[in-house]
C-alpha cells in the first residue's frame, strides 16, 4: 500500500516572520508591510505616514506621530563624544531615517531589532539633504496594541481549525478569546469563551484569519 509520511509538528509562521524573511532575501517587503495588520490601531492613534509628514512639514508642521518597522540601525559618536543612533525605518510610504541621542539610545538599543515595529513621536525639520527627524518617544507597536485590544473573536463553522488556532495562542496575557461557531448557514451562532487569557495582537489575528476553516477574526 501507499507509504505513510509523518510530518514533524511545526508552528506556522506569523505574517511578520514571513515578511522579515522576505525582506532578508529581497531587501524589500513584497506581499505586504508589517504595519498592515496594525492599521486600525494606527488610525485610532492618528499616526501619519512619513510621506504625509513630509508634506505637512512644508506647511509648517514640526512634530509627528509616525510608525515604522526597523530596517537597520547604526551608532556614531557626536562631536561632543556622546553616542547617537541612526535608525532606518520603513512604513507603507517608504523608508525614513531618524536619530536617537545617548540616554534614549541606551534605553532602547536592545529592543530596536530589525523587523520590529514601533510608534514614535518625532520632531522634524527640512534640510538640504532631506527631512531630519529626531525621536522624542518610542514604543513597541505590539506592546501598544496589547494595551488597546482586549478581546479576540474567532468565527468558525466547525471544530476543524481549533488545533491550528490553539497553536497561535501560546502565550498567556490579558486578552479574552472566544470562538463563535456559525450554525445552520448563519441562522444561529454559539459563542464559546476560553477560560484562560492570552496575549493577543493584530499579527496573531492576521495569522488566524489565514488559517484554513476560519471564517473571520475580530479584535475588540
N, C-alpha and C. Protein backbone atom coordinates (compact mmCIF):
# COMPACT_ATOMS: atom_id res chain seq x y z
N UNK A 1 0.83 -1.19 0.00
CA UNK A 1 0.00 0.00 0.00
C UNK A 1 0.87 1.25 0.00
N UNK A 2 0.22 2.40 -0.06
CA UNK A 2 0.99 3.65 -0.11
C UNK A 2 1.77 3.84 1.19
N UNK A 3 2.95 4.45 1.04
CA UNK A 3 3.79 4.72 2.22
C UNK A 3 3.18 5.82 3.05
N UNK A 4 3.31 5.71 4.36
CA UNK A 4 2.82 6.79 5.23
C UNK A 4 3.95 7.77 5.48
N UNK A 5 3.65 9.04 5.34
CA UNK A 5 4.66 10.08 5.59
C UNK A 5 4.28 10.78 6.89
N UNK A 6 5.22 10.85 7.82
CA UNK A 6 4.90 11.60 9.04
C UNK A 6 5.59 12.96 8.99
N UNK A 7 4.80 14.00 9.20
CA UNK A 7 5.34 15.36 9.17
C UNK A 7 5.67 15.79 10.59
N UNK A 8 6.84 16.39 10.79
CA UNK A 8 7.14 16.87 12.14
C UNK A 8 6.18 18.00 12.52
N UNK A 9 5.82 18.10 13.81
CA UNK A 9 4.93 19.20 14.20
C UNK A 9 5.64 20.53 13.97
N UNK A 10 4.92 21.54 13.51
CA UNK A 10 5.56 22.84 13.29
C UNK A 10 4.57 23.93 13.63
N UNK A 11 5.11 25.07 14.00
CA UNK A 11 4.26 26.24 14.23
C UNK A 11 4.26 27.06 12.96
N UNK A 12 3.08 27.38 12.41
CA UNK A 12 3.07 28.20 11.20
C UNK A 12 3.70 29.56 11.49
N UNK A 13 4.35 30.12 10.48
CA UNK A 13 4.95 31.45 10.64
C UNK A 13 3.87 32.48 10.87
N UNK A 14 4.16 33.43 11.74
CA UNK A 14 3.31 34.61 11.82
C UNK A 14 3.58 35.44 10.57
N UNK A 15 2.60 36.27 10.14
CA UNK A 15 2.84 37.10 8.95
C UNK A 15 4.13 37.91 9.08
N UNK A 16 4.43 38.40 10.31
CA UNK A 16 5.63 39.23 10.48
C UNK A 16 6.90 38.44 10.22
N UNK A 17 6.89 37.15 10.60
CA UNK A 17 8.10 36.32 10.37
C UNK A 17 8.30 36.10 8.88
N UNK A 18 7.19 35.84 8.17
CA UNK A 18 7.29 35.60 6.72
C UNK A 18 7.82 36.87 6.03
N UNK A 19 7.29 38.02 6.47
CA UNK A 19 7.71 39.29 5.86
C UNK A 19 9.18 39.59 6.15
N UNK A 20 9.62 39.26 7.38
CA UNK A 20 11.03 39.51 7.71
C UNK A 20 11.93 38.66 6.82
N UNK A 21 11.53 37.40 6.59
CA UNK A 21 12.34 36.53 5.74
C UNK A 21 12.34 37.05 4.29
N UNK A 22 11.20 37.55 3.85
CA UNK A 22 11.12 38.17 2.53
C UNK A 22 12.12 39.33 2.43
N UNK A 23 12.10 40.17 3.47
CA UNK A 23 12.97 41.35 3.45
C UNK A 23 14.44 40.94 3.44
N UNK A 24 14.77 39.90 4.25
CA UNK A 24 16.17 39.45 4.32
C UNK A 24 16.66 38.95 2.96
N UNK A 25 15.75 38.31 2.22
CA UNK A 25 16.15 37.74 0.93
C UNK A 25 16.14 38.81 -0.17
N UNK A 26 15.09 39.65 -0.17
CA UNK A 26 14.88 40.57 -1.30
C UNK A 26 15.35 42.00 -1.04
N UNK A 27 15.40 42.38 0.24
CA UNK A 27 15.76 43.77 0.55
C UNK A 27 14.57 44.71 0.53
N UNK A 28 13.36 44.16 0.35
CA UNK A 28 12.14 44.98 0.46
C UNK A 28 10.99 44.05 0.81
N UNK A 29 9.86 44.66 1.25
CA UNK A 29 8.69 43.86 1.58
C UNK A 29 7.88 43.64 0.32
N UNK A 30 7.53 42.39 0.05
CA UNK A 30 6.91 42.06 -1.24
C UNK A 30 5.40 41.90 -1.12
N UNK A 31 4.93 40.99 -0.25
CA UNK A 31 3.50 40.66 -0.26
C UNK A 31 2.66 41.62 0.58
N UNK A 32 3.26 42.24 1.57
CA UNK A 32 2.51 43.16 2.46
C UNK A 32 3.55 43.93 3.25
N UNK A 33 3.09 44.81 4.13
CA UNK A 33 4.02 45.52 5.01
C UNK A 33 3.70 45.10 6.45
N UNK A 34 4.72 44.96 7.30
CA UNK A 34 4.44 44.54 8.69
C UNK A 34 3.44 45.44 9.42
N UNK A 35 3.33 46.71 9.01
CA UNK A 35 2.39 47.61 9.70
C UNK A 35 0.94 47.37 9.27
N UNK A 36 0.73 46.64 8.16
CA UNK A 36 -0.63 46.48 7.62
C UNK A 36 -1.60 45.91 8.65
N UNK A 37 -1.13 44.91 9.42
CA UNK A 37 -2.07 44.26 10.34
C UNK A 37 -2.42 45.17 11.53
N UNK A 38 -1.69 46.28 11.68
CA UNK A 38 -1.97 47.22 12.78
C UNK A 38 -2.75 48.45 12.31
N UNK A 39 -3.27 48.42 11.08
CA UNK A 39 -3.81 49.66 10.50
C UNK A 39 -4.92 50.30 11.34
N UNK A 40 -5.79 49.48 11.96
CA UNK A 40 -6.88 50.10 12.75
C UNK A 40 -6.35 50.78 14.01
N UNK A 41 -5.30 50.22 14.62
CA UNK A 41 -4.69 50.86 15.79
C UNK A 41 -4.00 52.16 15.39
N UNK A 42 -3.30 52.12 14.25
CA UNK A 42 -2.58 53.32 13.80
C UNK A 42 -3.57 54.44 13.48
N UNK A 43 -4.72 54.06 12.93
CA UNK A 43 -5.77 55.07 12.66
C UNK A 43 -6.27 55.68 13.97
N UNK A 44 -6.55 54.81 14.95
CA UNK A 44 -7.04 55.30 16.25
C UNK A 44 -6.03 56.25 16.89
N UNK A 45 -4.74 55.98 16.68
CA UNK A 45 -3.70 56.81 17.29
C UNK A 45 -3.35 58.01 16.43
N UNK A 46 -4.02 58.16 15.30
CA UNK A 46 -3.76 59.26 14.34
C UNK A 46 -2.29 59.31 13.92
N UNK A 47 -1.79 58.16 13.54
CA UNK A 47 -0.40 58.06 13.08
C UNK A 47 -0.34 58.46 11.61
N UNK A 48 0.63 59.28 11.25
CA UNK A 48 0.82 59.68 9.85
C UNK A 48 1.84 58.76 9.17
N UNK A 49 1.77 58.67 7.87
CA UNK A 49 2.89 58.04 7.16
C UNK A 49 3.99 59.09 7.04
N UNK A 50 5.20 58.63 6.75
CA UNK A 50 6.31 59.58 6.59
C UNK A 50 6.04 60.51 5.40
N UNK A 51 5.43 59.98 4.34
CA UNK A 51 5.12 60.82 3.17
C UNK A 51 4.15 61.95 3.56
N UNK A 52 3.14 61.62 4.40
CA UNK A 52 2.19 62.65 4.84
C UNK A 52 2.89 63.71 5.69
N UNK A 53 3.80 63.26 6.56
CA UNK A 53 4.52 64.22 7.40
C UNK A 53 5.44 65.10 6.56
N UNK A 54 6.06 64.51 5.53
CA UNK A 54 6.93 65.29 4.64
C UNK A 54 6.16 66.44 4.00
N UNK A 55 4.90 66.17 3.62
CA UNK A 55 4.05 67.23 3.06
C UNK A 55 3.70 68.26 4.14
N UNK A 56 3.37 67.76 5.35
CA UNK A 56 2.95 68.65 6.44
C UNK A 56 4.08 69.59 6.86
N UNK A 57 5.32 69.11 6.79
CA UNK A 57 6.48 69.96 7.15
C UNK A 57 6.55 71.18 6.24
N UNK A 58 6.23 70.97 4.96
CA UNK A 58 6.24 72.09 4.01
C UNK A 58 5.19 73.15 4.38
N UNK A 59 4.14 72.69 5.11
CA UNK A 59 3.11 73.63 5.56
C UNK A 59 3.42 74.17 6.97
N UNK A 60 4.60 73.85 7.48
CA UNK A 60 4.99 74.42 8.77
C UNK A 60 4.90 73.48 9.96
N UNK A 61 4.50 72.21 9.76
CA UNK A 61 4.44 71.27 10.89
C UNK A 61 5.85 70.95 11.38
N UNK A 62 5.97 70.65 12.69
CA UNK A 62 7.30 70.31 13.21
C UNK A 62 7.29 68.99 13.98
N UNK A 63 6.10 68.56 14.39
CA UNK A 63 6.01 67.33 15.20
C UNK A 63 5.13 66.30 14.51
N UNK A 64 5.47 65.04 14.72
CA UNK A 64 4.68 63.98 14.08
C UNK A 64 4.59 62.76 14.97
N UNK A 65 3.53 62.01 14.78
CA UNK A 65 3.46 60.66 15.34
C UNK A 65 3.53 59.71 14.16
N UNK A 66 4.58 58.91 14.12
CA UNK A 66 4.85 58.02 13.00
C UNK A 66 4.90 56.58 13.49
N UNK A 67 4.81 55.66 12.56
CA UNK A 67 5.04 54.25 12.90
C UNK A 67 6.02 53.71 11.89
N UNK A 68 6.87 52.80 12.32
CA UNK A 68 7.84 52.25 11.38
C UNK A 68 8.36 50.91 11.83
N UNK A 69 8.78 50.12 10.85
CA UNK A 69 9.43 48.84 11.11
C UNK A 69 10.93 49.06 10.93
N UNK A 70 11.72 48.60 11.89
CA UNK A 70 13.16 48.85 11.84
C UNK A 70 13.80 48.06 10.68
N UNK A 71 14.54 48.78 9.85
CA UNK A 71 15.29 48.16 8.75
C UNK A 71 16.74 47.98 9.17
N UNK A 72 17.32 49.03 9.78
CA UNK A 72 18.72 48.93 10.21
C UNK A 72 18.98 49.98 11.28
N UNK A 73 20.07 49.77 12.04
CA UNK A 73 20.48 50.80 13.00
C UNK A 73 21.99 50.85 13.03
N UNK A 74 22.53 52.05 13.24
CA UNK A 74 23.97 52.18 13.43
C UNK A 74 24.20 53.25 14.47
N UNK A 75 25.38 53.19 15.09
CA UNK A 75 25.72 54.17 16.12
C UNK A 75 26.94 54.96 15.69
N UNK A 76 26.90 56.25 16.01
CA UNK A 76 28.05 57.12 15.71
C UNK A 76 28.33 58.00 16.91
N UNK A 77 29.53 58.50 16.95
CA UNK A 77 29.86 59.46 18.03
C UNK A 77 29.55 60.86 17.55
N UNK A 78 28.97 61.65 18.46
CA UNK A 78 28.71 63.06 18.12
C UNK A 78 30.01 63.84 18.38
N UNK A 79 29.99 65.11 18.00
CA UNK A 79 31.18 65.95 18.20
C UNK A 79 31.57 66.04 19.68
N UNK A 80 30.57 65.94 20.56
CA UNK A 80 30.86 66.05 22.00
C UNK A 80 31.29 64.70 22.59
N UNK A 81 31.36 63.66 21.75
CA UNK A 81 31.83 62.37 22.25
C UNK A 81 30.71 61.44 22.72
N UNK A 82 29.46 61.93 22.73
CA UNK A 82 28.34 61.05 23.08
C UNK A 82 27.98 60.17 21.89
N UNK A 83 27.20 59.12 22.18
CA UNK A 83 26.77 58.26 21.07
C UNK A 83 25.39 58.68 20.58
N UNK A 84 25.15 58.55 19.30
CA UNK A 84 23.81 58.73 18.75
C UNK A 84 23.49 57.53 17.89
N UNK A 85 22.21 57.19 17.82
CA UNK A 85 21.77 56.08 16.99
C UNK A 85 21.08 56.61 15.75
N UNK A 86 21.38 56.02 14.61
CA UNK A 86 20.69 56.38 13.37
C UNK A 86 19.88 55.15 12.96
N UNK A 87 18.57 55.29 13.03
CA UNK A 87 17.68 54.15 12.78
C UNK A 87 16.97 54.38 11.44
N UNK A 88 17.00 53.38 10.58
CA UNK A 88 16.23 53.45 9.33
C UNK A 88 14.96 52.64 9.54
N UNK A 89 13.82 53.30 9.32
CA UNK A 89 12.51 52.67 9.46
C UNK A 89 11.86 52.54 8.08
N UNK A 90 10.87 51.67 8.01
CA UNK A 90 10.07 51.55 6.80
C UNK A 90 8.60 51.66 7.19
N UNK A 91 7.83 52.42 6.40
CA UNK A 91 6.37 52.36 6.56
C UNK A 91 5.78 52.16 5.17
N UNK A 92 4.46 52.21 5.07
CA UNK A 92 3.84 51.87 3.77
C UNK A 92 4.19 52.87 2.69
N UNK A 93 4.72 54.06 3.09
CA UNK A 93 5.04 55.07 2.07
C UNK A 93 6.52 55.07 1.68
N UNK A 94 7.33 54.27 2.35
CA UNK A 94 8.75 54.24 2.00
C UNK A 94 9.63 54.11 3.23
N UNK A 95 10.90 54.47 3.07
CA UNK A 95 11.85 54.38 4.17
C UNK A 95 12.22 55.77 4.68
N UNK A 96 12.51 55.86 5.97
CA UNK A 96 12.95 57.14 6.53
C UNK A 96 13.93 56.88 7.66
N UNK A 97 14.72 57.91 7.93
CA UNK A 97 15.80 57.81 8.92
C UNK A 97 15.47 58.71 10.09
N UNK A 98 15.80 58.26 11.31
CA UNK A 98 15.58 59.11 12.48
C UNK A 98 16.74 58.92 13.45
N UNK A 99 17.04 59.96 14.24
CA UNK A 99 18.15 59.84 15.18
C UNK A 99 17.64 59.77 16.62
N UNK A 100 18.41 59.06 17.44
CA UNK A 100 18.15 58.90 18.86
C UNK A 100 19.42 59.32 19.59
N UNK A 101 19.29 60.16 20.63
CA UNK A 101 20.50 60.58 21.34
C UNK A 101 20.73 59.73 22.59
N UNK A 102 21.91 59.94 23.21
CA UNK A 102 22.51 58.95 24.11
C UNK A 102 21.61 58.29 25.14
N UNK A 103 20.88 59.08 25.95
CA UNK A 103 20.08 58.43 27.00
C UNK A 103 19.02 57.52 26.41
N UNK A 104 18.32 58.03 25.39
CA UNK A 104 17.28 57.21 24.76
C UNK A 104 17.89 56.02 24.04
N UNK A 105 19.06 56.23 23.45
CA UNK A 105 19.73 55.14 22.75
C UNK A 105 20.05 54.01 23.74
N UNK A 106 20.56 54.40 24.91
CA UNK A 106 20.86 53.38 25.94
C UNK A 106 19.61 52.64 26.38
N UNK A 107 18.49 53.38 26.47
CA UNK A 107 17.24 52.79 26.94
C UNK A 107 16.64 51.83 25.91
N UNK A 108 16.76 52.17 24.62
CA UNK A 108 16.03 51.42 23.60
C UNK A 108 16.90 50.57 22.68
N UNK A 109 18.24 50.66 22.85
CA UNK A 109 19.16 49.97 21.95
C UNK A 109 18.77 48.49 21.75
N UNK A 110 18.46 47.79 22.84
CA UNK A 110 18.25 46.35 22.76
C UNK A 110 16.94 45.95 22.09
N UNK A 111 15.93 46.83 22.14
CA UNK A 111 14.65 46.42 21.52
C UNK A 111 14.52 46.85 20.06
N UNK A 112 15.42 47.74 19.61
CA UNK A 112 15.31 48.23 18.23
C UNK A 112 15.91 47.22 17.25
N UNK A 113 15.25 46.06 17.18
CA UNK A 113 15.75 45.00 16.30
C UNK A 113 15.13 45.11 14.93
N UNK A 114 15.87 44.66 13.94
CA UNK A 114 15.38 44.61 12.57
C UNK A 114 14.08 43.81 12.51
N UNK A 115 13.06 44.36 11.83
CA UNK A 115 11.79 43.64 11.69
C UNK A 115 10.77 43.99 12.76
N UNK A 116 11.20 44.65 13.85
CA UNK A 116 10.26 45.04 14.90
C UNK A 116 9.66 46.40 14.56
N UNK A 117 8.39 46.59 14.98
CA UNK A 117 7.67 47.82 14.63
C UNK A 117 7.42 48.69 15.86
N UNK A 118 7.46 50.00 15.65
CA UNK A 118 7.34 50.96 16.75
C UNK A 118 6.46 52.13 16.37
N UNK A 119 5.88 52.76 17.40
CA UNK A 119 5.21 54.05 17.23
C UNK A 119 6.15 55.08 17.83
N UNK A 120 6.41 56.16 17.08
CA UNK A 120 7.32 57.16 17.61
C UNK A 120 6.74 58.56 17.45
N UNK A 121 7.06 59.41 18.41
CA UNK A 121 6.81 60.83 18.19
C UNK A 121 8.17 61.44 17.88
N UNK A 122 8.17 62.36 16.95
CA UNK A 122 9.44 62.91 16.49
C UNK A 122 9.27 64.37 16.11
N UNK A 123 10.38 65.10 16.17
CA UNK A 123 10.39 66.46 15.62
C UNK A 123 11.15 66.38 14.30
N UNK A 124 10.69 67.15 13.33
CA UNK A 124 11.32 67.10 12.01
C UNK A 124 11.60 68.49 11.50
N UNK A 125 12.67 68.60 10.73
CA UNK A 125 12.94 69.87 10.05
C UNK A 125 13.46 69.58 8.66
N UNK A 126 13.14 70.51 7.77
CA UNK A 126 13.58 70.35 6.38
C UNK A 126 15.03 70.80 6.25
N UNK A 127 15.83 69.94 5.66
CA UNK A 127 17.25 70.27 5.43
C UNK A 127 17.55 70.05 3.96
N UNK A 128 18.68 70.60 3.48
CA UNK A 128 19.00 70.41 2.05
C UNK A 128 19.05 68.93 1.65
N UNK A 129 19.53 68.07 2.58
CA UNK A 129 19.65 66.64 2.22
C UNK A 129 18.38 65.84 2.49
N UNK A 130 17.31 66.53 2.95
CA UNK A 130 16.06 65.82 3.22
C UNK A 130 15.57 66.18 4.61
N UNK A 131 14.58 65.46 5.09
CA UNK A 131 14.00 65.80 6.39
C UNK A 131 14.81 65.16 7.51
N UNK A 132 15.21 65.99 8.47
CA UNK A 132 15.93 65.47 9.64
C UNK A 132 14.92 65.18 10.74
N UNK A 133 14.89 63.93 11.21
CA UNK A 133 13.94 63.51 12.24
C UNK A 133 14.68 63.18 13.52
N UNK A 134 14.18 63.70 14.63
CA UNK A 134 14.76 63.37 15.93
C UNK A 134 13.67 62.73 16.79
N UNK A 135 13.92 61.52 17.28
CA UNK A 135 12.90 60.77 18.04
C UNK A 135 12.77 61.36 19.44
N UNK A 136 11.52 61.64 19.84
CA UNK A 136 11.22 62.13 21.20
C UNK A 136 10.79 60.98 22.11
N UNK A 137 9.85 60.15 21.62
CA UNK A 137 9.39 58.98 22.39
C UNK A 137 9.26 57.81 21.42
N UNK A 138 9.41 56.61 21.96
CA UNK A 138 9.30 55.43 21.11
C UNK A 138 8.66 54.31 21.92
N UNK A 139 7.76 53.57 21.29
CA UNK A 139 7.09 52.48 22.00
C UNK A 139 6.85 51.33 21.03
N UNK A 140 7.05 50.12 21.54
CA UNK A 140 6.78 48.93 20.73
C UNK A 140 5.32 48.93 20.29
N UNK A 141 5.09 48.74 19.00
CA UNK A 141 3.72 48.73 18.48
C UNK A 141 2.95 47.52 19.02
N UNK A 142 3.65 46.41 19.19
CA UNK A 142 2.98 45.21 19.74
C UNK A 142 2.52 45.47 21.16
N UNK A 143 3.40 46.10 21.98
CA UNK A 143 3.02 46.40 23.37
C UNK A 143 1.84 47.38 23.41
N UNK A 144 1.88 48.37 22.52
CA UNK A 144 0.79 49.36 22.46
C UNK A 144 -0.53 48.66 22.11
N UNK A 145 -0.46 47.73 21.17
CA UNK A 145 -1.70 47.05 20.75
C UNK A 145 -2.23 46.16 21.87
N UNK A 146 -1.33 45.61 22.69
CA UNK A 146 -1.78 44.78 23.82
C UNK A 146 -2.56 45.62 24.82
N UNK A 147 -2.17 46.89 24.97
CA UNK A 147 -2.90 47.79 25.88
C UNK A 147 -4.27 48.15 25.32
N UNK A 148 -4.33 48.26 23.98
CA UNK A 148 -5.55 48.80 23.36
C UNK A 148 -6.59 47.74 23.01
N UNK A 149 -6.17 46.49 22.86
CA UNK A 149 -7.12 45.47 22.41
C UNK A 149 -7.24 44.36 23.43
N UNK A 150 -8.45 44.10 23.85
CA UNK A 150 -8.66 43.23 24.99
C UNK A 150 -9.35 41.90 24.66
N UNK A 151 -9.86 41.77 23.45
CA UNK A 151 -10.57 40.53 23.14
C UNK A 151 -10.43 40.15 21.67
N UNK A 152 -10.46 38.85 21.44
CA UNK A 152 -10.32 38.29 20.09
C UNK A 152 -11.48 37.32 19.87
N UNK A 153 -12.20 37.50 18.77
CA UNK A 153 -13.29 36.58 18.44
C UNK A 153 -12.95 35.86 17.15
N UNK A 154 -13.01 34.53 17.20
CA UNK A 154 -12.68 33.72 16.03
C UNK A 154 -13.96 33.03 15.54
N UNK A 155 -14.35 33.35 14.31
CA UNK A 155 -15.58 32.77 13.74
C UNK A 155 -15.24 31.50 12.96
N UNK A 156 -15.90 30.39 13.32
CA UNK A 156 -15.65 29.11 12.65
C UNK A 156 -16.98 28.40 12.38
N UNK A 157 -16.96 27.42 11.46
CA UNK A 157 -18.19 26.64 11.18
C UNK A 157 -18.18 25.28 11.89
N UNK A 158 -16.98 24.79 12.21
CA UNK A 158 -16.88 23.51 12.91
C UNK A 158 -15.56 23.50 13.68
N UNK A 159 -15.26 22.38 14.33
CA UNK A 159 -14.09 22.35 15.21
C UNK A 159 -12.77 22.13 14.46
N UNK A 160 -12.83 22.00 13.13
CA UNK A 160 -11.63 21.74 12.32
C UNK A 160 -10.44 22.64 12.63
N UNK A 161 -10.64 23.97 12.66
CA UNK A 161 -9.48 24.87 12.82
C UNK A 161 -8.96 25.01 14.26
N UNK A 162 -9.61 24.34 15.24
CA UNK A 162 -9.26 24.61 16.64
C UNK A 162 -7.79 24.35 16.95
N UNK A 163 -7.25 23.25 16.40
CA UNK A 163 -5.86 22.89 16.71
C UNK A 163 -4.90 23.96 16.18
N UNK A 164 -5.16 24.41 14.96
CA UNK A 164 -4.32 25.44 14.35
C UNK A 164 -4.40 26.74 15.17
N UNK A 165 -5.61 27.10 15.59
CA UNK A 165 -5.80 28.32 16.38
C UNK A 165 -5.06 28.19 17.71
N UNK A 166 -5.18 27.04 18.34
CA UNK A 166 -4.52 26.81 19.63
C UNK A 166 -3.00 26.97 19.50
N UNK A 167 -2.46 26.60 18.34
CA UNK A 167 -1.01 26.72 18.11
C UNK A 167 -0.53 28.16 18.14
N UNK A 168 -1.43 29.09 17.78
CA UNK A 168 -1.05 30.51 17.79
C UNK A 168 -1.26 31.16 19.16
N UNK A 169 -2.10 30.54 19.99
CA UNK A 169 -2.38 31.11 21.31
C UNK A 169 -1.42 30.48 22.31
N UNK A 170 -0.15 30.81 22.19
CA UNK A 170 0.81 30.09 23.02
C UNK A 170 1.38 30.93 24.15
N UNK A 171 0.92 32.16 24.31
CA UNK A 171 1.43 32.99 25.40
C UNK A 171 0.28 33.51 26.24
N UNK A 172 0.42 33.37 27.54
CA UNK A 172 -0.61 33.89 28.45
C UNK A 172 -0.55 35.42 28.43
N UNK A 173 -1.71 36.04 28.63
CA UNK A 173 -1.75 37.50 28.60
C UNK A 173 -3.03 37.98 29.24
N UNK A 174 -3.52 39.13 28.76
CA UNK A 174 -4.74 39.72 29.35
C UNK A 174 -5.94 39.64 28.43
N UNK A 175 -5.77 39.01 27.26
CA UNK A 175 -6.84 39.04 26.27
C UNK A 175 -7.82 37.88 26.38
N UNK A 176 -9.09 38.20 26.22
CA UNK A 176 -10.13 37.17 26.21
C UNK A 176 -10.25 36.62 24.79
N UNK A 177 -10.36 35.31 24.68
CA UNK A 177 -10.52 34.69 23.36
C UNK A 177 -11.82 33.92 23.36
N UNK A 178 -12.65 34.15 22.34
CA UNK A 178 -13.86 33.35 22.22
C UNK A 178 -14.04 32.88 20.78
N UNK A 179 -14.66 31.70 20.67
CA UNK A 179 -14.98 31.13 19.36
C UNK A 179 -16.46 31.34 19.11
N UNK A 180 -16.77 31.83 17.92
CA UNK A 180 -18.16 31.96 17.52
C UNK A 180 -18.40 30.87 16.47
N UNK A 181 -19.20 29.87 16.85
CA UNK A 181 -19.48 28.76 15.92
C UNK A 181 -20.75 29.11 15.15
N UNK A 182 -20.60 29.20 13.82
CA UNK A 182 -21.74 29.58 12.96
C UNK A 182 -22.51 28.31 12.61
N UNK A 183 -23.77 28.28 12.99
CA UNK A 183 -24.61 27.09 12.76
C UNK A 183 -25.70 27.40 11.74
N UNK A 184 -26.22 26.35 11.13
CA UNK A 184 -27.40 26.45 10.24
C UNK A 184 -27.27 27.59 9.24
N UNK A 185 -26.15 27.57 8.50
CA UNK A 185 -25.91 28.59 7.47
C UNK A 185 -26.06 30.02 7.97
N UNK A 186 -25.59 30.27 9.16
CA UNK A 186 -25.58 31.64 9.66
C UNK A 186 -26.83 32.04 10.42
N UNK A 187 -27.80 31.12 10.53
CA UNK A 187 -29.04 31.48 11.26
C UNK A 187 -28.79 31.52 12.77
N UNK A 188 -27.77 30.79 13.20
CA UNK A 188 -27.54 30.70 14.65
C UNK A 188 -26.03 30.76 14.92
N UNK A 189 -25.67 31.42 16.01
CA UNK A 189 -24.26 31.45 16.41
C UNK A 189 -24.15 31.00 17.87
N UNK A 190 -23.14 30.20 18.15
CA UNK A 190 -22.90 29.76 19.52
C UNK A 190 -21.52 30.29 19.94
N UNK A 191 -21.48 31.02 21.04
CA UNK A 191 -20.20 31.58 21.49
C UNK A 191 -19.61 30.72 22.60
N UNK A 192 -18.34 30.37 22.44
CA UNK A 192 -17.64 29.58 23.45
C UNK A 192 -16.40 30.37 23.87
N UNK A 193 -16.37 30.82 25.12
CA UNK A 193 -15.22 31.62 25.60
C UNK A 193 -14.20 30.70 26.26
N UNK A 194 -12.93 30.96 26.01
CA UNK A 194 -11.88 30.17 26.67
C UNK A 194 -11.67 30.69 28.09
N UNK A 195 -11.39 29.79 29.01
CA UNK A 195 -11.27 30.21 30.41
C UNK A 195 -9.93 30.91 30.67
N UNK A 196 -8.89 30.52 29.93
CA UNK A 196 -7.58 31.17 30.09
C UNK A 196 -7.57 32.50 29.32
N UNK A 197 -6.69 33.41 29.74
CA UNK A 197 -6.49 34.65 28.97
C UNK A 197 -5.16 34.57 28.23
N UNK A 198 -5.11 35.18 27.04
CA UNK A 198 -3.93 35.04 26.18
C UNK A 198 -3.41 36.39 25.72
N UNK A 199 -2.16 36.36 25.25
CA UNK A 199 -1.56 37.53 24.61
C UNK A 199 -2.15 37.59 23.20
N UNK A 200 -2.84 38.67 22.86
CA UNK A 200 -3.44 38.77 21.52
C UNK A 200 -2.95 40.03 20.83
N UNK A 201 -2.54 39.88 19.58
CA UNK A 201 -2.03 41.02 18.81
C UNK A 201 -2.64 40.96 17.41
N UNK A 202 -2.59 42.08 16.68
CA UNK A 202 -3.08 42.05 15.29
C UNK A 202 -2.34 41.03 14.42
N UNK A 203 -1.08 40.76 14.76
CA UNK A 203 -0.33 39.76 13.99
C UNK A 203 -0.93 38.37 14.18
N UNK A 204 -1.26 38.06 15.44
CA UNK A 204 -1.87 36.76 15.71
C UNK A 204 -3.23 36.69 15.02
N UNK A 205 -3.98 37.80 15.09
CA UNK A 205 -5.29 37.83 14.41
C UNK A 205 -5.14 37.58 12.91
N UNK A 206 -4.11 38.20 12.29
CA UNK A 206 -3.89 38.03 10.85
C UNK A 206 -3.52 36.59 10.53
N UNK A 207 -2.71 35.97 11.40
CA UNK A 207 -2.32 34.57 11.17
C UNK A 207 -3.55 33.66 11.27
N UNK A 208 -4.42 33.95 12.24
CA UNK A 208 -5.62 33.12 12.41
C UNK A 208 -6.59 33.30 11.25
N UNK A 209 -6.68 34.55 10.77
CA UNK A 209 -7.58 34.83 9.65
C UNK A 209 -7.20 34.00 8.43
N UNK A 210 -5.88 33.73 8.32
CA UNK A 210 -5.40 32.97 7.16
C UNK A 210 -5.49 31.46 7.37
N UNK A 211 -5.86 31.03 8.59
CA UNK A 211 -5.89 29.58 8.86
C UNK A 211 -7.08 28.94 8.16
N UNK A 212 -6.88 27.77 7.55
CA UNK A 212 -7.98 27.08 6.85
C UNK A 212 -9.13 26.82 7.83
N UNK A 213 -10.35 27.12 7.38
CA UNK A 213 -11.53 26.84 8.20
C UNK A 213 -11.97 28.01 9.07
N UNK A 214 -11.12 29.04 9.19
CA UNK A 214 -11.53 30.22 9.97
C UNK A 214 -12.28 31.17 9.03
N UNK A 215 -13.48 31.54 9.43
CA UNK A 215 -14.34 32.39 8.59
C UNK A 215 -13.93 33.86 8.75
N UNK A 216 -13.72 34.29 9.99
CA UNK A 216 -13.33 35.68 10.22
C UNK A 216 -12.74 35.79 11.64
N UNK A 217 -12.02 36.87 11.87
CA UNK A 217 -11.44 37.16 13.18
C UNK A 217 -11.68 38.62 13.48
N UNK A 218 -12.12 38.89 14.70
CA UNK A 218 -12.36 40.29 15.13
C UNK A 218 -11.51 40.60 16.35
N UNK A 219 -10.87 41.75 16.35
CA UNK A 219 -10.17 42.23 17.55
C UNK A 219 -10.99 43.36 18.14
N UNK A 220 -11.24 43.30 19.44
CA UNK A 220 -12.04 44.37 20.05
C UNK A 220 -11.36 44.88 21.32
